[in-house]
Amino acid sequence: MKMNKIVEICTGSYQDCLAAEKGGASRVELNSALSVGGLTPSLATLRKVKRDTSLNVVCMVRPRAAGFCYDDIDTDTMMEDARILLENGADGIAFGFLNEDFTIHTDKTKKMVDLIHSYNKTAVFHRAYDVCKDPYKAIEDLIQCGVDRLLTSGLEAKAIDGTELLHELQNKYGNDIQILAGSGVNAKNANKLIEETGLYQVHSSCKSYYNDPTTKSEKVSYAYLSGEHICDYDIVDVNLVKNLVEVVEK
């Protein structure tokens, strides 16, 4: 059966979501703090996006930067965040729980999946998967836990370099879990990625930059970028979204 191709845009703000929709995307992953890989978004942002757009909104639930081995306090916070976001219109939740040995924490994953499914929404395991040492055991654990979709780069820094594993995962497990390819995806490489893997969903930040001159002074800096972008923050570029959607969904 031929599947409709889907472009998902990684967003970090209400403005990013407006840009994603204007560019033709139908689904977003909504975050805050993309500078550290994405954290849980604000409730106000979710409410505004659901009120003002027709986007399918998958909300990130991640309480802090760094890895994905969470204590009980972090885990309880994540469960409560997910519940609040689901009650306020989130169409899905992206999350990840790992053990210290780089395996899936199946108990916490199953608990989160059950919560998401109790709202009849989509459970997405994010790129925490890409630091797992055994990708086959990890994806089998996710399927066993009932995860609906896996965001992955094929355990590489960029998805285009992970095509061999992505193809294998799609062929072996694609009927049991959706595989969403992300990291470094753009209009120039998306078709090659899709053709070499057999995937039908891609995830992209379609990133550009906007300047805020108050980012740094002579002695104090709040910059997280460097070089020519030192006083910038990243945004979703409408034209980059349009180009990607045209390439993928044509």
C-alpha atoms as a PDB file:
ATOM      1  CA  MET A   1       0.000   0.000   0.000  1.00  0.00           C
ATOM      2  CA  LYS A   2       1.391   3.388  -1.002  1.00  0.00           C
ATOM      3  CA  MET A   3       1.635   5.783   1.942  1.00  0.00           C
ATOM      4  CA  ASN A   4       1.218   9.535   1.705  1.00  0.00           C
ATOM      5  CA  LYS A   5       4.532  11.277   2.277  1.00  0.00           C
ATOM      6  CA  ILE A   6       4.707  13.552   5.306  1.00  0.00           C
ATOM      7  CA  VAL A   7       6.956  16.457   6.223  1.00  0.00           C
ATOM      8  CA  GLU A   8       7.186  17.219   9.938  1.00  0.00           C
ATOM      9  CA  ILE A   9       8.812  20.487  10.981  1.00  0.00           C
ATOM     10  CA  CYS A  10      10.748  20.848  14.214  1.00  0.00           C
ATOM     11  CA  THR A  11       9.565  24.090  15.812  1.00  0.00           C
ATOM     12  CA  GLY A  12      10.595  26.081  18.858  1.00  0.00           C
ATOM     13  CA  SER A  13       7.930  28.768  19.038  1.00  0.00           C
ATOM     14  CA  TYR A  14       4.473  29.908  17.998  1.00  0.00           C
ATOM     15  CA  GLN A  15       6.049  31.908  15.163  1.00  0.00           C
ATOM     16  CA  ASP A  16       7.849  28.788  13.929  1.00  0.00           C
ATOM     17  CA  CYS A  17       4.532  26.940  13.754  1.00  0.00           C
ATOM     18  CA  LEU A  18       2.946  29.729  11.727  1.00  0.00           C
ATOM     19  CA  ALA A  19       5.902  29.558   9.331  1.00  0.00           C
ATOM     20  CA  ALA A  20       5.606  25.763   9.080  1.00  0.00           C
ATOM     21  CA  GLU A  21       1.930  25.950   8.172  1.00  0.00           C
ATOM     22  CA  LYS A  22       2.474  28.795   5.722  1.00  0.00           C
ATOM     23  CA  GLY A  23       5.171  26.708   4.054  1.00  0.00           C
ATOM     24  CA  GLY A  24       2.730  23.836   3.546  1.00  0.00           C
ATOM     25  CA  ALA A  25       3.614  21.471   6.387  1.00  0.00           C
ATOM     26  CA  SER A  26       0.759  19.719   8.154  1.00  0.00           C
ATOM     27  CA  ARG A  27       2.576  18.422  11.245  1.00  0.00           C
ATOM     28  CA  VAL A  28       5.044  19.920  13.700  1.00  0.00           C
ATOM     29  CA  GLU A  29       7.044  18.809  16.687  1.00  0.00           C
ATOM     30  CA  LEU A  30       6.671  21.651  19.187  1.00  0.00           C
ATOM     31  CA  ASN A  31       9.555  22.360  21.562  1.00  0.00           C
ATOM     32  CA  SER A  32      11.143  25.076  23.594  1.00  0.00           C
ATOM     33  CA  ALA A  33      14.915  25.575  23.942  1.00  0.00           C
ATOM     34  CA  LEU A  34      15.994  24.075  20.625  1.00  0.00           C
ATOM     35  CA  SER A  35      19.498  25.312  21.452  1.00  0.00           C
ATOM     36  CA  VAL A  36      19.809  22.274  23.769  1.00  0.00           C
ATOM     37  CA  GLY A  37      17.977  19.862  21.483  1.00  0.00           C
ATOM     38  CA  GLY A  38      14.435  20.776  22.497  1.00  0.00           C
ATOM     39  CA  LEU A  39      12.624  20.853  25.843  1.00  0.00           C
ATOM     40  CA  THR A  40       8.957  20.791  26.874  1.00  0.00           C
ATOM     41  CA  PRO A  41       7.073  23.753  25.317  1.00  0.00           C
ATOM     42  CA  SER A  42       4.917  26.193  27.227  1.00  0.00           C
ATOM     43  CA  LEU A  43       1.212  25.551  27.546  1.00  0.00           C
ATOM     44  CA  ALA A  44       0.460  29.002  26.162  1.00  0.00           C
ATOM     45  CA  THR A  45       2.394  28.212  22.983  1.00  0.00           C
ATOM     46  CA  LEU A  46       0.498  24.956  22.450  1.00  0.00           C
ATOM     47  CA  ARG A  47      -2.862  26.624  23.056  1.00  0.00           C
ATOM     48  CA  LYS A  48      -2.106  29.437  20.614  1.00  0.00           C
ATOM     49  CA  VAL A  49      -0.899  27.035  17.921  1.00  0.00           C
ATOM     50  CA  LYS A  50      -3.992  24.833  18.236  1.00  0.00           C
ATOM     51  CA  ARG A  51      -6.261  27.898  18.263  1.00  0.00           C
ATOM     52  CA  ASP A  52      -4.721  29.637  15.267  1.00  0.00           C
ATOM     53  CA  THR A  53      -3.596  26.800  12.967  1.00  0.00           C
ATOM     54  CA  SER A  54      -4.816  23.467  11.640  1.00  0.00           C
ATOM     55  CA  LEU A  55      -1.479  21.789  12.393  1.00  0.00           C
ATOM     56  CA  ASN A  56      -1.093  18.351  13.905  1.00  0.00           C
ATOM     57  CA  VAL A  57       1.042  19.156  16.960  1.00  0.00           C
ATOM     58  CA  VAL A  58       3.369  16.638  18.588  1.00  0.00           C
ATOM     59  CA  CYS A  59       4.712  18.140  21.823  1.00  0.00           C
ATOM     60  CA  MET A  60       8.155  17.366  23.135  1.00  0.00           C
ATOM     61  CA  VAL A  61       8.250  16.232  26.766  1.00  0.00           C
ATOM     62  CA  ARG A  62      11.820  16.625  28.002  1.00  0.00           C
ATOM     63  CA  PRO A  63      12.517  18.293  31.341  1.00  0.00           C
ATOM     64  CA  ARG A  64      16.201  19.143  30.954  1.00  0.00           C
ATOM     65  CA  ALA A  65      19.197  19.147  28.647  1.00  0.00           C
ATOM     66  CA  ALA A  66      21.784  16.341  28.287  1.00  0.00           C
ATOM     67  CA  GLY A  67      20.758  12.665  28.268  1.00  0.00           C
ATOM     68  CA  PHE A  68      17.648  10.622  28.866  1.00  0.00           C
ATOM     69  CA  CYS A  69      18.256   8.693  32.080  1.00  0.00           C
ATOM     70  CA  TYR A  70      15.709  10.288  34.407  1.00  0.00           C
ATOM     71  CA  ASP A  71      15.184   9.959  38.140  1.00  0.00           C
ATOM     72  CA  ASP A  72      11.732   9.591  39.688  1.00  0.00           C
ATOM     73  CA  ILE A  73      11.268  13.346  40.106  1.00  0.00           C
ATOM     74  CA  ASP A  74      12.012  14.037  36.425  1.00  0.00           C
ATOM     75  CA  THR A  75       9.801  11.119  35.398  1.00  0.00           C
ATOM     76  CA  ASP A  76       6.843  12.317  37.474  1.00  0.00           C
ATOM     77  CA  THR A  77       7.248  15.796  35.992  1.00  0.00           C
ATOM     78  CA  MET A  78       7.287  14.364  32.480  1.00  0.00           C
ATOM     79  CA  MET A  79       4.116  12.373  33.106  1.00  0.00           C
ATOM     80  CA  GLU A  80       2.358  15.442  34.471  1.00  0.00           C
ATOM     81  CA  ASP A  81       3.590  17.622  31.603  1.00  0.00           C
ATOM     82  CA  ALA A  82       2.341  15.054  29.089  1.00  0.00           C
ATOM     83  CA  ARG A  83      -1.071  14.874  30.766  1.00  0.00           C
ATOM     84  CA  ILE A  84      -1.452  18.672  30.774  1.00  0.00           C
ATOM     85  CA  LEU A  85      -0.365  18.986  27.140  1.00  0.00           C
ATOM     86  CA  LEU A  86      -2.725  16.202  26.042  1.00  0.00           C
ATOM     87  CA  GLU A  87      -5.605  17.830  27.888  1.00  0.00           C
ATOM     88  CA  ASN A  88      -4.880  21.051  26.021  1.00  0.00           C
ATOM     89  CA  GLY A  89      -4.895  19.727  22.480  1.00  0.00           C
ATOM     90  CA  ALA A  90      -1.570  18.016  21.825  1.00  0.00           C
ATOM     91  CA  ASP A  91      -1.991  15.442  19.051  1.00  0.00           C
ATOM     92  CA  GLY A  92       0.973  13.437  20.255  1.00  0.00           C
ATOM     93  CA  ILE A  93       3.868  13.393  22.685  1.00  0.00           C
ATOM     94  CA  ALA A  94       7.548  12.914  21.802  1.00  0.00           C
ATOM     95  CA  PHE A  95       9.638  11.498  24.645  1.00  0.00           C
ATOM     96  CA  GLY A  96      12.466   9.129  25.501  1.00  0.00           C
ATOM     97  CA  PHE A  97      13.498   7.051  28.506  1.00  0.00           C
ATOM     98  CA  LEU A  98      16.843   5.228  28.649  1.00  0.00           C
ATOM     99  CA  ASN A  99      18.737   3.164  31.185  1.00  0.00           C
ATOM    100  CA  GLU A 100      22.348   3.950  32.055  1.00  0.00           C
ATOM    101  CA  ASP A 101      23.480   1.074  29.822  1.00  0.00           C
ATOM    102  CA  PHE A 102      21.974   2.756  26.728  1.00  0.00           C
ATOM    103  CA  THR A 103      18.926   0.473  26.564  1.00  0.00           C
ATOM    104  CA  ILE A 104      15.247   1.442  26.519  1.00  0.00           C
ATOM    105  CA  HIS A 105      13.705   1.904  29.962  1.00  0.00           C
ATOM    106  CA  THR A 106      10.674  -0.197  29.115  1.00  0.00           C
ATOM    107  CA  ASP A 107       8.679   0.361  32.323  1.00  0.00           C
ATOM    108  CA  LYS A 108       8.729   4.153  32.005  1.00  0.00           C
ATOM    109  CA  THR A 109       8.195   3.984  28.248  1.00  0.00           C
ATOM    110  CA  LYS A 110       5.144   1.745  28.631  1.00  0.00           C
ATOM    111  CA  LYS A 111       3.721   4.027  31.324  1.00  0.00           C
ATOM    112  CA  MET A 112       4.064   7.055  29.045  1.00  0.00           C
ATOM    113  CA  VAL A 113       2.607   5.202  26.047  1.00  0.00           C
ATOM    114  CA  ASP A 114      -0.390   4.085  28.102  1.00  0.00           C
ATOM    115  CA  LEU A 115      -1.005   7.674  29.218  1.00  0.00           C
ATOM    116  CA  ILE A 116      -0.827   9.000  25.643  1.00  0.00           C
ATOM    117  CA  HIS A 117      -3.062   6.240  24.303  1.00  0.00           C
ATOM    118  CA  SER A 118      -5.626   6.912  27.045  1.00  0.00           C
ATOM    119  CA  TYR A 119      -6.193  10.213  25.199  1.00  0.00           C
ATOM    120  CA  ASN A 120      -6.190   8.400  21.822  1.00  0.00           C
ATOM    121  CA  LYS A 121      -3.100  10.336  20.763  1.00  0.00           C
ATOM    122  CA  THR A 122       0.235   9.388  19.160  1.00  0.00           C
ATOM    123  CA  ALA A 123       3.218   8.135  21.171  1.00  0.00           C
ATOM    124  CA  VAL A 124       6.542   9.123  19.577  1.00  0.00           C
ATOM    125  CA  PHE A 125       9.924   7.973  20.868  1.00  0.00           C
ATOM    126  CA  HIS A 126      12.479  10.612  19.908  1.00  0.00           C
ATOM    127  CA  ARG A 127      16.181  10.471  19.042  1.00  0.00           C
ATOM    128  CA  ALA A 128      17.190   9.185  22.456  1.00  0.00           C
ATOM    129  CA  TYR A 129      17.013   5.984  20.394  1.00  0.00           C
ATOM    130  CA  ASP A 130      20.057   7.126  18.419  1.00  0.00           C
ATOM    131  CA  VAL A 131      22.416   6.639  21.363  1.00  0.00           C
ATOM    132  CA  CYS A 132      21.242   3.062  21.977  1.00  0.00           C
ATOM    133  CA  LYS A 133      23.943   0.458  21.423  1.00  0.00           C
ATOM    134  CA  ASP A 134      21.667  -2.220  19.939  1.00  0.00           C
ATOM    135  CA  PRO A 135      19.189  -0.618  17.527  1.00  0.00           C
ATOM    136  CA  TYR A 136      17.340  -3.876  16.874  1.00  0.00           C
ATOM    137  CA  LYS A 137      16.675  -4.756  20.505  1.00  0.00           C
ATOM    138  CA  ALA A 138      15.766  -1.109  21.164  1.00  0.00           C
ATOM    139  CA  ILE A 139      13.171  -0.873  18.397  1.00  0.00           C
ATOM    140  CA  GLU A 140      11.729  -4.256  19.371  1.00  0.00           C
ATOM    141  CA  ASP A 141      11.346  -2.963  22.933  1.00  0.00           C
ATOM    142  CA  LEU A 142       9.580   0.146  21.624  1.00  0.00           C
ATOM    143  CA  ILE A 143       7.180  -1.954  19.554  1.00  0.00           C
ATOM    144  CA  GLN A 144       6.508  -4.158  22.570  1.00  0.00           C
ATOM    145  CA  CYS A 145       5.704  -1.011  24.590  1.00  0.00           C
ATOM    146  CA  GLY A 146       3.213   0.133  21.943  1.00  0.00           C
ATOM    147  CA  VAL A 147       5.121   3.155  20.617  1.00  0.00           C
ATOM    148  CA  ASP A 148       3.495   4.447  17.414  1.00  0.00           C
ATOM    149  CA  ARG A 149       6.389   6.319  15.808  1.00  0.00           C
ATOM    150  CA  LEU A 150      10.177   6.459  16.105  1.00  0.00           C
ATOM    151  CA  LEU A 151      12.190   9.560  15.204  1.00  0.00           C
ATOM    152  CA  THR A 152      15.702   8.477  14.261  1.00  0.00           C
ATOM    153  CA  SER A 153      18.743   9.342  12.187  1.00  0.00           C
ATOM    154  CA  GLY A 154      19.762   5.707  11.947  1.00  0.00           C
ATOM    155  CA  LEU A 155      22.235   6.147  14.837  1.00  0.00           C
ATOM    156  CA  GLU A 156      24.292   8.632  12.812  1.00  0.00           C
ATOM    157  CA  ALA A 157      24.772  12.368  13.352  1.00  0.00           C
ATOM    158  CA  LYS A 158      22.841  12.995  10.118  1.00  0.00           C
ATOM    159  CA  ALA A 159      20.056  10.843   8.679  1.00  0.00           C
ATOM    160  CA  ILE A 160      21.582  10.827   5.202  1.00  0.00           C
ATOM    161  CA  ASP A 161      24.519   8.914   6.695  1.00  0.00           C
ATOM    162  CA  GLY A 162      22.204   6.425   8.386  1.00  0.00           C
ATOM    163  CA  THR A 163      20.344   5.246   5.299  1.00  0.00           C
ATOM    164  CA  GLU A 164      21.544   1.646   5.535  1.00  0.00           C
ATOM    165  CA  LEU A 165      20.119   1.137   9.016  1.00  0.00           C
ATOM    166  CA  LEU A 166      17.009   3.217   8.270  1.00  0.00           C
ATOM    167  CA  HIS A 167      16.297   0.994   5.252  1.00  0.00           C
ATOM    168  CA  GLU A 168      16.763  -2.104   7.366  1.00  0.00           C
ATOM    169  CA  LEU A 169      14.491  -0.794  10.138  1.00  0.00           C
ATOM    170  CA  GLN A 170      11.789   0.143   7.648  1.00  0.00           C
ATOM    171  CA  ASN A 171      11.915  -3.243   5.914  1.00  0.00           C
ATOM    172  CA  LYS A 172      11.954  -5.267   9.113  1.00  0.00           C
ATOM    173  CA  TYR A 173       9.754  -3.213  11.433  1.00  0.00           C
ATOM    174  CA  GLY A 174       7.875  -0.698   9.261  1.00  0.00           C
ATOM    175  CA  ASN A 175       4.580  -2.580   9.572  1.00  0.00           C
ATOM    176  CA  ASP A 176       4.767  -2.415  13.371  1.00  0.00           C
ATOM    177  CA  ILE A 177       6.031   1.130  13.989  1.00  0.00           C
ATOM    178  CA  GLN A 178       6.269   4.293  11.894  1.00  0.00           C
ATOM    179  CA  ILE A 179       9.853   5.344  11.142  1.00  0.00           C
ATOM    180  CA  LEU A 180      10.422   9.109  10.894  1.00  0.00           C
ATOM    181  CA  ALA A 181      13.846  10.157   9.592  1.00  0.00           C
ATOM    182  CA  GLY A 182      15.351  13.292  11.110  1.00  0.00           C
ATOM    183  CA  SER A 183      18.603  15.247  11.483  1.00  0.00           C
ATOM    184  CA  GLY A 184      20.086  17.218   8.625  1.00  0.00           C
ATOM    185  CA  VAL A 185      17.117  16.614   6.310  1.00  0.00           C
ATOM    186  CA  ASN A 186      16.546  19.294   3.668  1.00  0.00           C
ATOM    187  CA  ALA A 187      15.191  19.802   0.164  1.00  0.00           C
ATOM    188  CA  LYS A 188      18.529  18.784  -1.362  1.00  0.00           C
ATOM    189  CA  ASN A 189      18.778  15.352   0.257  1.00  0.00           C
ATOM    190  CA  ALA A 190      15.197  14.380   1.151  1.00  0.00           C
ATOM    191  CA  ASN A 191      14.405  12.488  -2.042  1.00  0.00           C
ATOM    192  CA  LYS A 192      17.672  10.550  -1.881  1.00  0.00           C
ATOM    193  CA  LEU A 193      16.905   9.684   1.739  1.00  0.00           C
ATOM    194  CA  ILE A 194      13.388   8.509   0.898  1.00  0.00           C
ATOM    195  CA  GLU A 195      14.507   6.515  -2.147  1.00  0.00           C
ATOM    196  CA  GLU A 196      17.329   4.743  -0.309  1.00  0.00           C
ATOM    197  CA  THR A 197      15.307   3.894   2.801  1.00  0.00           C
ATOM    198  CA  GLY A 198      11.719   3.369   1.647  1.00  0.00           C
ATOM    199  CA  LEU A 199      10.536   5.785   4.338  1.00  0.00           C
ATOM    200  CA  TYR A 200       7.619   8.126   3.764  1.00  0.00           C
ATOM    201  CA  GLN A 201       8.064  10.571   6.664  1.00  0.00           C
ATOM    202  CA  VAL A 202      10.831  13.127   7.213  1.00  0.00           C
ATOM    203  CA  HIS A 203      11.542  15.575  10.033  1.00  0.00           C
ATOM    204  CA  SER A 204      13.377  18.851   9.443  1.00  0.00           C
ATOM    205  CA  SER A 205      14.111  22.120  11.232  1.00  0.00           C
ATOM    206  CA  CYS A 206      14.224  24.179   7.984  1.00  0.00           C
ATOM    207  CA  LYS A 207      16.370  26.533   9.993  1.00  0.00           C
ATOM    208  CA  SER A 208      17.276  30.129   9.330  1.00  0.00           C
ATOM    209  CA  TYR A 209      18.387  32.911  11.679  1.00  0.00           C
ATOM    210  CA  TYR A 210      17.107  36.179  13.082  1.00  0.00           C
ATOM    211  CA  ASN A 211      19.179  38.840  14.781  1.00  0.00           C
ATOM    212  CA  ASP A 212      18.624  40.182  18.289  1.00  0.00           C
ATOM    213  CA  PRO A 213      21.172  42.967  18.923  1.00  0.00           C
ATOM    214  CA  THR A 214      20.709  42.715  22.706  1.00  0.00           C
ATOM    215  CA  THR A 215      22.185  39.187  22.766  1.00  0.00           C
ATOM    216  CA  LYS A 216      25.555  40.480  23.908  1.00  0.00           C
ATOM    217  CA  SER A 217      27.249  43.583  25.166  1.00  0.00           C
ATOM    218  CA  GLU A 218      30.917  44.337  25.554  1.00  0.00           C
ATOM    219  CA  LYS A 219      31.199  42.275  28.746  1.00  0.00           C
ATOM    220  CA  VAL A 220      28.084  40.090  28.938  1.00  0.00           C
ATOM    221  CA  SER A 221      26.850  37.527  26.404  1.00  0.00           C
ATOM    222  CA  TYR A 222      23.728  35.366  26.135  1.00  0.00           C
ATOM    223  CA  ALA A 223      24.771  33.962  22.764  1.00  0.00           C
ATOM    224  CA  TYR A 224      24.448  30.264  22.000  1.00  0.00           C
ATOM    225  CA  LEU A 225      25.644  30.568  18.412  1.00  0.00           C
ATOM    226  CA  SER A 226      29.015  31.743  17.157  1.00  0.00           C
ATOM    227  CA  GLY A 227      30.671  33.436  14.213  1.00  0.00           C
ATOM    228  CA  GLU A 228      28.408  35.473  11.980  1.00  0.00           C
ATOM    229  CA  HIS A 229      25.354  34.228  13.912  1.00  0.00           C
ATOM    230  CA  ILE A 230      26.612  35.136  17.379  1.00  0.00           C
ATOM    231  CA  CYS A 231      23.751  37.598  17.991  1.00  0.00           C
ATOM    232  CA  ASP A 232      21.141  35.448  16.227  1.00  0.00           C
ATOM    233  CA  TYR A 233      18.553  32.877  17.238  1.00  0.00           C
ATOM    234  CA  ASP A 234      17.244  30.177  14.927  1.00  0.00           C
ATOM    235  CA  ILE A 235      13.809  30.280  13.316  1.00  0.00           C
ATOM    236  CA  VAL A 236      11.821  28.183  10.845  1.00  0.00           C
ATOM    237  CA  ASP A 237      12.196  29.587   7.331  1.00  0.00           C
ATOM    238  CA  VAL A 238       8.952  29.570   5.325  1.00  0.00           C
ATOM    239  CA  ASN A 239      10.761  29.216   2.008  1.00  0.00           C
ATOM    240  CA  LEU A 240      12.849  26.278   3.221  1.00  0.00           C
ATOM    241  CA  VAL A 241       9.636  24.563   4.361  1.00  0.00           C
ATOM    242  CA  LYS A 242       8.012  25.238   0.983  1.00  0.00           C
ATOM    243  CA  ASN A 243      10.993  23.815  -0.867  1.00  0.00           C
ATOM    244  CA  LEU A 244      11.057  20.675   1.264  1.00  0.00           C
ATOM    245  CA  VAL A 245       7.306  20.085   1.023  1.00  0.00           C
ATOM    246  CA  GLU A 246       7.405  20.531  -2.754  1.00  0.00           C
ATOM    247  CA  VAL A 247      10.229  18.007  -3.074  1.00  0.00           C
ATOM    248  CA  VAL A 248       8.774  15.384  -0.722  1.00  0.00           C
ATOM    249  CA  GLU A 249       5.036  15.617  -1.225  1.00  0.00           C
ATOM    250  CA  LYS A 250       4.924  16.235  -4.979  1.00  0.00           C
END
